Amino acid sequence: MGDVAAWRDRVRRIGDCGYSTLLVPDFPMTQPAPAAMLATVAAITDLRVGSWVYATPFRAAWQTAWEAHSLTRLTEGRFEMGIGTGRPGIEDEVRGYGMPEVPSPGKRLDDIRETVRRLREYDGTELHTPVAMAVYGPKARALAAEVADTVTFVLGPQSRGEVEKLARDFRAQTDLTGRDVELALAVPVIGDTVAPHMAGPGTDPAEWRAADAVTVLPEDPAAAIDEIQRRREEIGFSYFVIGADWAERFAPVVAELAGR
């Protein structure tokens, strides 16, 4: 994060660009804890805030749920809880922190379900903390269709056609559960720049562009606007996530899309 005063100034500038939400990742020991950062952002801007995403192996279900509920209360409803089973290699991180157990993938999904259950219990009838799930496999997608308000598919260089099929199949699942779940798209690559924490260290922007991956946007604002609109209309994405390094440069994109 670097200089705290400079970070606060940057957050305020981003808040003035027209974005709806500022998200922070869950990378212990490399930055301040997500709750502290999000509470600060909510105090100095009018932005919504969210975790993108809490990794279930790091905390007990009750602990994550209580933190999320507390942030909803303190931000007066401007917090959304992003949650997932953890990035590739998280098993080594868990061991490195001296935690006694590396949960299996199935246990992590069970923990997500329990976290959401407890969150709904803590929120009661007066509050509703939105839940965003990052999903990869079919079991995670099925759980998201049951409990999430927003879902983002964990993507790399998959082609546009593959992602369209994922979205269609997921919509079929939500039709069965009778729930309206928003589709979010994380875009880690803009031009030749890969956003930190949003893609792996071996990400090749040229390879992703050649695959017609939807996880890439052109750096030209006009072209980016056209692509975002296309992904809205053809696939159904309505929530787009980009890295902070592009937030201010893409302010014209936000302004144009907000007027459509």
C-alpha atoms as a PDB file:
ATOM      1  CA  MET A   1       0.000   0.000   0.000  1.00  0.00           C
ATOM      2  CA  GLY A   2       2.954   2.344   0.546  1.00  0.00           C
ATOM      3  CA  ASP A   3       2.391   5.798   1.992  1.00  0.00           C
ATOM      4  CA  VAL A   4      -0.931   5.892   3.840  1.00  0.00           C
ATOM      5  CA  ALA A   5      -1.698   9.539   3.051  1.00  0.00           C
ATOM      6  CA  ALA A   6      -1.024   8.945  -0.654  1.00  0.00           C
ATOM      7  CA  TRP A   7      -3.260   5.860  -0.572  1.00  0.00           C
ATOM      8  CA  ARG A   8      -6.099   7.854   0.995  1.00  0.00           C
ATOM      9  CA  ASP A   9      -5.743  10.568  -1.637  1.00  0.00           C
ATOM     10  CA  ARG A  10      -5.855   7.959  -4.386  1.00  0.00           C
ATOM     11  CA  VAL A  11      -8.958   6.371  -2.896  1.00  0.00           C
ATOM     12  CA  ARG A  12     -10.685   9.769  -2.818  1.00  0.00           C
ATOM     13  CA  ARG A  13      -9.777  10.387  -6.473  1.00  0.00           C
ATOM     14  CA  ILE A  14     -11.151   6.984  -7.467  1.00  0.00           C
ATOM     15  CA  GLY A  15     -14.287   7.770  -5.492  1.00  0.00           C
ATOM     16  CA  ASP A  16     -14.749  10.902  -7.608  1.00  0.00           C
ATOM     17  CA  CYS A  17     -14.498   8.947 -10.898  1.00  0.00           C
ATOM     18  CA  GLY A  18     -18.003   7.516 -10.787  1.00  0.00           C
ATOM     19  CA  TYR A  19     -17.272   3.940  -9.768  1.00  0.00           C
ATOM     20  CA  SER A  20     -19.816   2.182  -7.577  1.00  0.00           C
ATOM     21  CA  THR A  21     -17.554  -0.015  -5.453  1.00  0.00           C
ATOM     22  CA  LEU A  22     -13.973  -0.333  -4.252  1.00  0.00           C
ATOM     23  CA  LEU A  23     -12.807  -3.899  -3.632  1.00  0.00           C
ATOM     24  CA  VAL A  24      -9.731  -5.209  -1.841  1.00  0.00           C
ATOM     25  CA  PRO A  25      -8.133  -8.658  -2.066  1.00  0.00           C
ATOM     26  CA  ASP A  26      -7.433 -11.021   0.822  1.00  0.00           C
ATOM     27  CA  PHE A  27      -3.638 -11.275   0.865  1.00  0.00           C
ATOM     28  CA  PRO A  28      -2.490 -11.549   4.505  1.00  0.00           C
ATOM     29  CA  MET A  29       0.771  -9.893   5.513  1.00  0.00           C
ATOM     30  CA  THR A  30       1.193  -8.062   2.194  1.00  0.00           C
ATOM     31  CA  GLN A  31      -1.237  -5.233   3.023  1.00  0.00           C
ATOM     32  CA  PRO A  32      -3.426  -4.107   5.927  1.00  0.00           C
ATOM     33  CA  ALA A  33      -6.304  -6.435   6.746  1.00  0.00           C
ATOM     34  CA  PRO A  34      -9.322  -6.084   4.416  1.00  0.00           C
ATOM     35  CA  ALA A  35     -11.753  -4.950   7.129  1.00  0.00           C
ATOM     36  CA  ALA A  36      -9.496  -2.093   8.199  1.00  0.00           C
ATOM     37  CA  MET A  37      -8.982  -0.925   4.622  1.00  0.00           C
ATOM     38  CA  LEU A  38     -12.657  -1.167   3.714  1.00  0.00           C
ATOM     39  CA  ALA A  39     -13.855   0.661   6.810  1.00  0.00           C
ATOM     40  CA  THR A  40     -11.394   3.460   6.030  1.00  0.00           C
ATOM     41  CA  VAL A  41     -12.557   3.702   2.396  1.00  0.00           C
ATOM     42  CA  ALA A  42     -16.196   3.853   3.489  1.00  0.00           C
ATOM     43  CA  ALA A  43     -15.384   6.601   5.989  1.00  0.00           C
ATOM     44  CA  ILE A  44     -13.641   8.894   3.481  1.00  0.00           C
ATOM     45  CA  THR A  45     -15.785   8.284   0.355  1.00  0.00           C
ATOM     46  CA  ASP A  46     -19.354   7.485  -0.625  1.00  0.00           C
ATOM     47  CA  LEU A  47     -18.251   4.288  -2.371  1.00  0.00           C
ATOM     48  CA  ARG A  48     -19.616   0.867  -1.687  1.00  0.00           C
ATOM     49  CA  VAL A  49     -16.865  -1.475  -0.503  1.00  0.00           C
ATOM     50  CA  GLY A  50     -16.242  -5.197  -0.700  1.00  0.00           C
ATOM     51  CA  SER A  51     -13.846  -8.078  -0.234  1.00  0.00           C
ATOM     52  CA  TRP A  52     -12.638  -9.611  -3.495  1.00  0.00           C
ATOM     53  CA  VAL A  53     -12.549 -12.184  -2.131  1.00  0.00           C
ATOM     54  CA  TYR A  54     -12.270 -13.592   1.393  1.00  0.00           C
ATOM     55  CA  ALA A  55     -10.373 -16.889   1.180  1.00  0.00           C
ATOM     56  CA  THR A  56     -12.176 -19.427   3.351  1.00  0.00           C
ATOM     57  CA  PRO A  57      -9.036 -21.311   4.537  1.00  0.00           C
ATOM     58  CA  PHE A  58      -7.844 -18.255   6.487  1.00  0.00           C
ATOM     59  CA  ARG A  59     -10.783 -17.870   8.883  1.00  0.00           C
ATOM     60  CA  ALA A  60     -13.494 -19.802  10.643  1.00  0.00           C
ATOM     61  CA  ALA A  61     -16.938 -19.406   9.092  1.00  0.00           C
ATOM     62  CA  TRP A  62     -18.353 -17.547  12.100  1.00  0.00           C
ATOM     63  CA  GLN A  63     -15.400 -15.141  12.059  1.00  0.00           C
ATOM     64  CA  THR A  64     -15.799 -14.205   8.397  1.00  0.00           C
ATOM     65  CA  ALA A  65     -19.553 -13.837   8.838  1.00  0.00           C
ATOM     66  CA  TRP A  66     -19.198 -11.647  11.901  1.00  0.00           C
ATOM     67  CA  GLU A  67     -16.643  -9.414  10.197  1.00  0.00           C
ATOM     68  CA  ALA A  68     -18.912  -9.064   7.166  1.00  0.00           C
ATOM     69  CA  HIS A  69     -21.957  -8.284   9.287  1.00  0.00           C
ATOM     70  CA  SER A  70     -19.947  -5.730  11.280  1.00  0.00           C
ATOM     71  CA  LEU A  71     -18.835  -3.989   8.084  1.00  0.00           C
ATOM     72  CA  THR A  72     -22.423  -3.871   6.843  1.00  0.00           C
ATOM     73  CA  ARG A  73     -23.455  -2.210  10.087  1.00  0.00           C
ATOM     74  CA  LEU A  74     -20.546   0.242  10.189  1.00  0.00           C
ATOM     75  CA  THR A  75     -20.890   1.248   6.524  1.00  0.00           C
ATOM     76  CA  GLU A  76     -24.690   1.545   6.791  1.00  0.00           C
ATOM     77  CA  GLY A  77     -25.263  -1.111   4.146  1.00  0.00           C
ATOM     78  CA  ARG A  78     -22.436  -0.264   1.753  1.00  0.00           C
ATOM     79  CA  PHE A  79     -20.477  -3.513   2.190  1.00  0.00           C
ATOM     80  CA  GLU A  80     -20.618  -6.653   0.049  1.00  0.00           C
ATOM     81  CA  MET A  81     -18.933  -9.901   1.042  1.00  0.00           C
ATOM     82  CA  GLY A  82     -16.943 -11.534  -1.719  1.00  0.00           C
ATOM     83  CA  ILE A  83     -15.905 -15.069  -0.805  1.00  0.00           C
ATOM     84  CA  GLY A  84     -14.207 -18.030  -2.463  1.00  0.00           C
ATOM     85  CA  THR A  85     -12.275 -21.216  -1.777  1.00  0.00           C
ATOM     86  CA  GLY A  86      -8.866 -19.600  -2.307  1.00  0.00           C
ATOM     87  CA  ARG A  87      -6.412 -18.973  -5.113  1.00  0.00           C
ATOM     88  CA  PRO A  88      -4.055 -21.631  -6.544  1.00  0.00           C
ATOM     89  CA  GLY A  89      -1.244 -22.409  -4.103  1.00  0.00           C
ATOM     90  CA  ILE A  90      -3.148 -21.228  -1.044  1.00  0.00           C
ATOM     91  CA  GLU A  91      -2.357 -24.559   0.622  1.00  0.00           C
ATOM     92  CA  ASP A  92       1.273 -23.462   0.982  1.00  0.00           C
ATOM     93  CA  GLU A  93       0.164 -20.131   2.449  1.00  0.00           C
ATOM     94  CA  VAL A  94      -2.007 -21.888   5.027  1.00  0.00           C
ATOM     95  CA  ARG A  95       0.909 -24.084   6.075  1.00  0.00           C
ATOM     96  CA  GLY A  96       3.233 -21.071   6.138  1.00  0.00           C
ATOM     97  CA  TYR A  97       0.982 -19.280   8.625  1.00  0.00           C
ATOM     98  CA  GLY A  98       1.178 -22.307  10.924  1.00  0.00           C
ATOM     99  CA  MET A  99      -2.502 -23.143  10.655  1.00  0.00           C
ATOM    100  CA  PRO A 100      -3.247 -26.685  11.813  1.00  0.00           C
ATOM    101  CA  GLU A 101      -5.259 -27.843   8.798  1.00  0.00           C
ATOM    102  CA  VAL A 102      -5.393 -27.370   5.051  1.00  0.00           C
ATOM    103  CA  PRO A 103      -9.105 -27.776   4.242  1.00  0.00           C
ATOM    104  CA  SER A 104     -10.066 -29.940   1.272  1.00  0.00           C
ATOM    105  CA  PRO A 105     -11.888 -28.258  -1.642  1.00  0.00           C
ATOM    106  CA  GLY A 106     -15.143 -29.838  -0.482  1.00  0.00           C
ATOM    107  CA  LYS A 107     -14.645 -28.559   3.056  1.00  0.00           C
ATOM    108  CA  ARG A 108     -14.013 -25.064   1.705  1.00  0.00           C
ATOM    109  CA  LEU A 109     -17.348 -25.089  -0.116  1.00  0.00           C
ATOM    110  CA  ASP A 110     -19.028 -26.295   3.070  1.00  0.00           C
ATOM    111  CA  ASP A 111     -17.359 -23.387   4.868  1.00  0.00           C
ATOM    112  CA  ILE A 112     -18.771 -20.923   2.333  1.00  0.00           C
ATOM    113  CA  ARG A 113     -22.257 -22.297   2.864  1.00  0.00           C
ATOM    114  CA  GLU A 114     -21.835 -22.052   6.645  1.00  0.00           C
ATOM    115  CA  THR A 115     -20.418 -18.538   6.393  1.00  0.00           C
ATOM    116  CA  VAL A 116     -23.433 -17.353   4.403  1.00  0.00           C
ATOM    117  CA  ARG A 117     -25.826 -19.125   6.784  1.00  0.00           C
ATOM    118  CA  ARG A 118     -24.261 -17.396   9.781  1.00  0.00           C
ATOM    119  CA  LEU A 119     -24.168 -14.059   7.975  1.00  0.00           C
ATOM    120  CA  ARG A 120     -27.896 -14.267   7.302  1.00  0.00           C
ATOM    121  CA  GLU A 121     -28.416 -15.154  10.953  1.00  0.00           C
ATOM    122  CA  TYR A 122     -26.338 -12.191  12.163  1.00  0.00           C
ATOM    123  CA  ASP A 123     -28.000  -9.788   9.698  1.00  0.00           C
ATOM    124  CA  GLY A 124     -31.450 -10.849  10.840  1.00  0.00           C
ATOM    125  CA  THR A 125     -34.474  -9.380   9.093  1.00  0.00           C
ATOM    126  CA  GLU A 126     -33.253  -5.781   9.000  1.00  0.00           C
ATOM    127  CA  LEU A 127     -30.041  -6.208   7.006  1.00  0.00           C
ATOM    128  CA  HIS A 128     -28.960  -8.072   3.899  1.00  0.00           C
ATOM    129  CA  THR A 129     -25.239  -8.205   3.184  1.00  0.00           C
ATOM    130  CA  PRO A 130     -24.820  -8.992  -0.537  1.00  0.00           C
ATOM    131  CA  VAL A 131     -22.693 -12.084  -1.168  1.00  0.00           C
ATOM    132  CA  ALA A 132     -20.434 -12.352  -4.203  1.00  0.00           C
ATOM    133  CA  MET A 133     -18.895 -15.745  -4.933  1.00  0.00           C
ATOM    134  CA  ALA A 134     -15.834 -16.451  -7.049  1.00  0.00           C
ATOM    135  CA  VAL A 135     -16.438 -19.870  -8.617  1.00  0.00           C
ATOM    136  CA  TYR A 136     -14.491 -22.315 -10.734  1.00  0.00           C
ATOM    137  CA  GLY A 137     -15.950 -25.826 -10.807  1.00  0.00           C
ATOM    138  CA  PRO A 138     -19.512 -27.130 -11.160  1.00  0.00           C
ATOM    139  CA  LYS A 139     -20.003 -27.686  -7.415  1.00  0.00           C
ATOM    140  CA  ALA A 140     -19.050 -24.093  -6.669  1.00  0.00           C
ATOM    141  CA  ARG A 141     -21.365 -22.816  -9.393  1.00  0.00           C
ATOM    142  CA  ALA A 142     -24.224 -24.881  -7.979  1.00  0.00           C
ATOM    143  CA  LEU A 143     -23.638 -23.428  -4.504  1.00  0.00           C
ATOM    144  CA  ALA A 144     -23.500 -19.895  -5.912  1.00  0.00           C
ATOM    145  CA  ALA A 145     -26.842 -20.445  -7.625  1.00  0.00           C
ATOM    146  CA  GLU A 146     -28.273 -21.186  -4.175  1.00  0.00           C
ATOM    147  CA  VAL A 147     -26.649 -18.571  -1.924  1.00  0.00           C
ATOM    148  CA  ALA A 148     -24.929 -15.777  -3.880  1.00  0.00           C
ATOM    149  CA  ASP A 149     -26.223 -12.409  -5.037  1.00  0.00           C
ATOM    150  CA  THR A 150     -23.346 -11.976  -7.493  1.00  0.00           C
ATOM    151  CA  VAL A 151     -21.073 -14.538  -9.104  1.00  0.00           C
ATOM    152  CA  THR A 152     -17.780 -14.198 -10.927  1.00  0.00           C
ATOM    153  CA  PHE A 153     -16.316 -17.085 -12.870  1.00  0.00           C
ATOM    154  CA  VAL A 154     -12.618 -17.676 -12.187  1.00  0.00           C
ATOM    155  CA  LEU A 155     -11.276 -17.203 -15.714  1.00  0.00           C
ATOM    156  CA  GLY A 156      -8.017 -17.004 -17.578  1.00  0.00           C
ATOM    157  CA  PRO A 157      -7.611 -17.140 -21.358  1.00  0.00           C
ATOM    158  CA  GLN A 158     -10.897 -18.974 -22.001  1.00  0.00           C
ATOM    159  CA  SER A 159     -12.472 -17.924 -25.270  1.00  0.00           C
ATOM    160  CA  ARG A 160     -15.573 -15.790 -25.524  1.00  0.00           C
ATOM    161  CA  GLY A 161     -17.564 -18.820 -26.671  1.00  0.00           C
ATOM    162  CA  GLU A 162     -16.536 -20.850 -23.630  1.00  0.00           C
ATOM    163  CA  VAL A 163     -17.563 -18.036 -21.283  1.00  0.00           C
ATOM    164  CA  GLU A 164     -20.889 -17.584 -23.084  1.00  0.00           C
ATOM    165  CA  LYS A 165     -21.602 -21.278 -22.445  1.00  0.00           C
ATOM    166  CA  LEU A 166     -20.626 -20.931 -18.775  1.00  0.00           C
ATOM    167  CA  ALA A 167     -23.021 -18.025 -18.413  1.00  0.00           C
ATOM    168  CA  ARG A 168     -25.882 -19.868 -20.173  1.00  0.00           C
ATOM    169  CA  ASP A 169     -25.388 -22.962 -18.029  1.00  0.00           C
ATOM    170  CA  PHE A 170     -25.302 -20.878 -14.870  1.00  0.00           C
ATOM    171  CA  ARG A 171     -28.478 -19.052 -15.851  1.00  0.00           C
ATOM    172  CA  ALA A 172     -30.137 -22.441 -16.246  1.00  0.00           C
ATOM    173  CA  GLN A 173     -29.105 -23.275 -12.680  1.00  0.00           C
ATOM    174  CA  THR A 174     -30.475 -20.025 -11.279  1.00  0.00           C
ATOM    175  CA  ASP A 175     -33.727 -20.610 -13.167  1.00  0.00           C
ATOM    176  CA  LEU A 176     -34.094 -23.824 -11.179  1.00  0.00           C
ATOM    177  CA  THR A 177     -33.450 -22.056  -7.863  1.00  0.00           C
ATOM    178  CA  GLY A 178     -35.667 -19.108  -8.806  1.00  0.00           C
ATOM    179  CA  ARG A 179     -32.978 -16.573  -7.959  1.00  0.00           C
ATOM    180  CA  ASP A 180     -31.693 -13.543  -9.898  1.00  0.00           C
ATOM    181  CA  VAL A 181     -27.904 -13.634  -9.562  1.00  0.00           C
ATOM    182  CA  GLU A 182     -25.802 -10.851 -11.073  1.00  0.00           C
ATOM    183  CA  LEU A 183     -22.859 -11.837 -13.287  1.00  0.00           C
ATOM    184  CA  ALA A 184     -19.556 -10.102 -12.591  1.00  0.00           C
ATOM    185  CA  LEU A 185     -16.484 -10.105 -14.820  1.00  0.00           C
ATOM    186  CA  ALA A 186     -13.017  -9.514 -13.408  1.00  0.00           C
ATOM    187  CA  VAL A 187     -10.745  -8.050 -16.099  1.00  0.00           C
ATOM    188  CA  PRO A 188      -7.112  -8.431 -15.030  1.00  0.00           C
ATOM    189  CA  VAL A 189      -5.558  -7.427 -18.374  1.00  0.00           C
ATOM    190  CA  ILE A 190      -5.911  -4.002 -19.973  1.00  0.00           C
ATOM    191  CA  GLY A 191      -3.705  -3.500 -22.990  1.00  0.00           C
ATOM    192  CA  ASP A 192      -0.402  -5.129 -22.048  1.00  0.00           C
ATOM    193  CA  THR A 193      -0.798  -4.469 -18.304  1.00  0.00           C
ATOM    194  CA  VAL A 194      -1.672  -7.258 -15.860  1.00  0.00           C
ATOM    195  CA  ALA A 195      -3.259  -6.042 -12.617  1.00  0.00           C
ATOM    196  CA  PRO A 196      -1.533  -7.229  -9.426  1.00  0.00           C
ATOM    197  CA  HIS A 197      -3.431  -9.919  -7.488  1.00  0.00           C
ATOM    198  CA  MET A 198      -5.894 -10.432 -10.357  1.00  0.00           C
ATOM    199  CA  ALA A 199      -3.976 -12.945 -12.489  1.00  0.00           C
ATOM    200  CA  GLY A 200      -1.023 -15.290 -12.141  1.00  0.00           C
ATOM    201  CA  PRO A 201       2.604 -14.225 -12.651  1.00  0.00           C
ATOM    202  CA  GLY A 202       2.832 -16.117 -15.940  1.00  0.00           C
ATOM    203  CA  THR A 203      -0.040 -14.266 -17.599  1.00  0.00           C
ATOM    204  CA  ASP A 204       0.719 -13.417 -21.246  1.00  0.00           C
ATOM    205  CA  PRO A 205      -1.543 -10.591 -22.509  1.00  0.00           C
ATOM    206  CA  ALA A 206      -0.802 -11.422 -26.153  1.00  0.00           C
ATOM    207  CA  GLU A 207      -1.836 -15.048 -25.622  1.00  0.00           C
ATOM    208  CA  TRP A 208      -5.080 -13.986 -23.931  1.00  0.00           C
ATOM    209  CA  ARG A 209      -5.913 -11.537 -26.720  1.00  0.00           C
ATOM    210  CA  ALA A 210      -5.244 -14.224 -29.345  1.00  0.00           C
ATOM    211  CA  ALA A 211      -7.718 -16.489 -27.533  1.00  0.00           C
ATOM    212  CA  ASP A 212     -10.380 -13.725 -27.651  1.00  0.00           C
ATOM    213  CA  ALA A 213     -10.531 -13.864 -23.859  1.00  0.00           C
ATOM    214  CA  VAL A 214     -13.152 -11.680 -22.175  1.00  0.00           C
ATOM    215  CA  THR A 215     -10.656 -11.105 -19.353  1.00  0.00           C
ATOM    216  CA  VAL A 216      -8.869  -8.551 -21.555  1.00  0.00           C
ATOM    217  CA  LEU A 217      -9.869  -5.008 -22.453  1.00  0.00           C
ATOM    218  CA  PRO A 218      -8.216  -2.628 -24.915  1.00  0.00           C
ATOM    219  CA  GLU A 219      -6.545   0.361 -23.301  1.00  0.00           C
ATOM    220  CA  ASP A 220      -8.228   2.818 -25.675  1.00  0.00           C
ATOM    221  CA  PRO A 221     -11.300   4.106 -23.778  1.00  0.00           C
ATOM    222  CA  ALA A 222     -13.610   4.171 -26.818  1.00  0.00           C
ATOM    223  CA  ALA A 223     -12.739   0.588 -27.729  1.00  0.00           C
ATOM    224  CA  ALA A 224     -13.098  -0.487 -24.090  1.00  0.00           C
ATOM    225  CA  ILE A 225     -16.586   1.044 -23.924  1.00  0.00           C
ATOM    226  CA  ASP A 226     -17.644  -0.920 -27.013  1.00  0.00           C
ATOM    227  CA  GLU A 227     -16.252  -4.164 -25.586  1.00  0.00           C
ATOM    228  CA  ILE A 228     -17.898  -3.716 -22.187  1.00  0.00           C
ATOM    229  CA  GLN A 229     -21.220  -2.980 -23.851  1.00  0.00           C
ATOM    230  CA  ARG A 230     -20.823  -6.056 -26.040  1.00  0.00           C
ATOM    231  CA  ARG A 231     -20.175  -8.252 -23.018  1.00  0.00           C
ATOM    232  CA  ARG A 232     -23.228  -6.825 -21.311  1.00  0.00           C
ATOM    233  CA  GLU A 233     -25.474  -7.563 -24.257  1.00  0.00           C
ATOM    234  CA  GLU A 234     -24.063 -10.887 -25.462  1.00  0.00           C
ATOM    235  CA  ILE A 235     -23.158 -12.596 -22.169  1.00  0.00           C
ATOM    236  CA  GLY A 236     -25.066 -10.701 -19.487  1.00  0.00           C
ATOM    237  CA  PHE A 237     -22.251  -9.260 -17.398  1.00  0.00           C
ATOM    238  CA  SER A 238     -23.360  -6.166 -15.490  1.00  0.00           C
ATOM    239  CA  TYR A 239     -20.577  -5.843 -12.890  1.00  0.00           C
ATOM    240  CA  PHE A 240     -17.029  -5.209 -14.139  1.00  0.00           C
ATOM    241  CA  VAL A 241     -13.905  -5.291 -11.978  1.00  0.00           C
ATOM    242  CA  ILE A 242     -10.629  -3.672 -13.061  1.00  0.00           C
ATOM    243  CA  GLY A 243      -7.323  -3.070 -11.312  1.00  0.00           C
ATOM    244  CA  ALA A 244      -6.745   0.119  -9.326  1.00  0.00           C
ATOM    245  CA  ASP A 245      -3.879   1.209 -11.592  1.00  0.00           C
ATOM    246  CA  TRP A 246      -6.398   1.775 -14.403  1.00  0.00           C
ATOM    247  CA  ALA A 247      -9.198   3.251 -12.327  1.00  0.00           C
ATOM    248  CA  GLU A 248      -8.416   6.903 -12.940  1.00  0.00           C
ATOM    249  CA  ARG A 249      -7.457   6.418 -16.582  1.00  0.00           C
ATOM    250  CA  PHE A 250     -10.769   4.668 -17.210  1.00  0.00           C
ATOM    251  CA  ALA A 251     -12.863   7.448 -15.655  1.00  0.00           C
ATOM    252  CA  PRO A 252     -14.161   8.482 -19.144  1.00  0.00           C
ATOM    253  CA  VAL A 253     -15.270   4.870 -19.688  1.00  0.00           C
ATOM    254  CA  VAL A 254     -17.291   4.927 -16.462  1.00  0.00           C
ATOM    255  CA  ALA A 255     -18.854   8.281 -17.321  1.00  0.00           C
ATOM    256  CA  GLU A 256     -19.866   7.136 -20.805  1.00  0.00           C
ATOM    257  CA  LEU A 257     -21.316   3.820 -19.644  1.00  0.00           C
ATOM    258  CA  ALA A 258     -23.216   5.466 -16.797  1.00  0.00           C
ATOM    259  CA  GLY A 259     -25.037   7.592 -19.351  1.00  0.00           C
ATOM    260  CA  ARG A 260     -26.176   4.625 -21.458  1.00  0.00           C
END
